[in-house]
Amino acid sequence: MLQAILEQKLQQEFEPSYLEVLNESYMHNVPAGSESHFKLVIVSKKFEGLRLIARHRLVNGLLAEELAGSIHALSMHTFTDQEWQEKNNTAPDSPMCLGGGKS
């Protein structure tokens, strides 16, 4: 299961205080059971002092093999502990897909 692989890699690399990997493929025009669209919410001390683009590069580098495969989209929300607290421990909801035959 791809979701479990993502969770394991992220847990090992970033030692997050909070990690959520959501399979949002059901929101898109893909076959049932697909693992192609994911939302990642991760809170880690390893993001301290890094700009958003640097955080995303770290995640992209770690998941390069998976991103080169069946993952079509990865929405990332990367926070430090302080930023996560300032956001009241919440990340934005993902919008429903309007492309690929959906209306």
Protein backbone atom coordinates (compact mmCIF):
# COMPACT_ATOMS: atom_id res chain seq x y z
CA MET A 1 0.00 0.00 0.00
CA LEU A 2 1.55 3.25 -1.18
CA GLN A 3 0.09 5.33 1.64
CA ALA A 4 1.87 3.17 4.24
CA ILE A 5 5.18 3.49 2.37
CA LEU A 6 4.86 7.29 2.34
CA GLU A 7 4.05 7.35 6.05
CA GLN A 8 7.02 5.11 6.92
CA LYS A 9 9.54 7.12 4.89
CA LEU A 10 8.32 10.45 6.25
CA GLN A 11 8.29 9.16 9.83
CA GLN A 12 11.84 7.86 9.58
CA GLU A 13 13.29 10.95 7.88
CA PHE A 14 11.50 13.80 9.65
CA GLU A 15 10.57 12.33 13.07
CA PRO A 16 7.41 14.45 13.00
CA SER A 17 5.42 15.52 16.03
CA TYR A 18 2.38 15.24 13.74
CA LEU A 19 2.00 13.35 10.48
CA GLU A 20 -1.07 12.80 8.35
CA VAL A 21 -0.97 11.26 4.89
CA LEU A 22 -4.42 11.29 3.30
CA ASN A 23 -5.30 9.45 0.11
CA GLU A 24 -7.56 11.96 -1.64
CA SER A 25 -7.81 10.01 -4.89
CA TYR A 26 -11.55 9.52 -4.31
CA MET A 27 -11.97 13.26 -4.91
CA HIS A 28 -10.69 12.89 -8.47
CA ASN A 29 -11.73 11.17 -11.68
CA VAL A 30 -9.74 7.98 -11.11
CA PRO A 31 -10.71 4.32 -10.64
CA ALA A 32 -11.93 3.27 -7.19
CA GLY A 33 -9.08 2.21 -4.93
CA SER A 34 -6.51 4.40 -6.68
CA GLU A 35 -3.54 5.83 -4.83
CA SER A 36 -2.70 8.75 -7.07
CA HIS A 37 -3.59 11.94 -5.15
CA PHE A 38 -2.29 12.56 -1.64
CA LYS A 39 -2.41 15.33 0.95
CA LEU A 40 0.47 15.51 3.40
CA VAL A 41 0.41 17.39 6.68
CA ILE A 42 3.70 17.15 8.53
CA VAL A 43 5.05 19.00 11.57
CA SER A 44 8.76 18.60 12.21
CA LYS A 45 11.62 20.33 13.99
CA LYS A 46 13.66 19.63 10.85
CA PHE A 47 11.71 22.40 9.09
CA GLU A 48 12.87 25.09 11.53
CA GLY A 49 14.78 27.84 9.76
CA LEU A 50 13.78 26.56 6.30
CA ARG A 51 11.65 28.42 3.81
CA LEU A 52 8.64 26.65 2.35
CA ILE A 53 10.38 25.79 -0.92
CA ALA A 54 13.28 24.16 0.95
CA ARG A 55 10.86 22.07 3.00
CA HIS A 56 9.05 20.92 -0.14
CA ARG A 57 12.37 20.07 -1.80
CA LEU A 58 13.29 17.86 1.15
CA VAL A 59 9.98 16.00 0.92
CA ASN A 60 10.17 15.74 -2.88
CA GLY A 61 13.70 14.38 -2.64
CA LEU A 62 12.71 11.77 -0.08
CA LEU A 63 9.68 10.65 -2.11
CA ALA A 64 11.30 10.97 -5.57
CA GLU A 65 10.78 7.30 -6.43
CA GLU A 66 7.10 7.38 -5.50
CA LEU A 67 6.53 10.71 -7.26
CA ALA A 68 8.08 9.27 -10.43
CA GLY A 69 5.61 6.39 -10.26
CA SER A 70 1.88 6.35 -9.69
CA ILE A 71 1.51 9.57 -7.66
CA HIS A 72 -0.17 12.20 -9.82
CA ALA A 73 -0.47 14.92 -7.16
CA LEU A 74 0.95 15.58 -3.71
CA SER A 75 -0.41 18.49 -1.70
CA MET A 76 2.07 19.43 1.05
CA HIS A 77 1.49 21.34 4.25
CA THR A 78 4.81 21.52 6.11
CA PHE A 79 5.01 23.21 9.50
CA THR A 80 7.31 23.74 12.44
CA ASP A 81 5.80 23.03 15.87
CA GLN A 82 5.27 26.76 16.46
CA GLU A 83 3.60 27.30 13.08
CA TRP A 84 1.34 24.31 13.70
CA GLN A 85 0.27 25.76 17.06
CA GLU A 86 -0.37 29.15 15.44
CA LYS A 87 -2.62 27.38 12.89
CA ASN A 88 -4.57 25.78 15.79
CA ASN A 89 -3.30 22.35 14.71
CA THR A 90 -5.19 22.46 11.42
CA ALA A 91 -4.33 22.44 7.74
CA PRO A 92 -6.56 23.77 4.95
CA ASP A 93 -9.10 21.44 3.36
CA SER A 94 -8.42 20.33 -0.17
CA PRO A 95 -10.84 21.50 -2.86
CA MET A 96 -12.81 18.98 -4.87
CA CYS A 97 -11.34 18.30 -8.30
CA LEU A 98 -13.11 19.95 -11.21
CA GLY A 99 -10.93 18.52 -13.96
CA GLY A 100 -10.62 15.18 -15.68
CA GLY A 101 -14.32 14.81 -16.47
CA LYS A 102 -15.66 16.02 -13.12
CA SER A 103 -18.07 18.93 -13.02
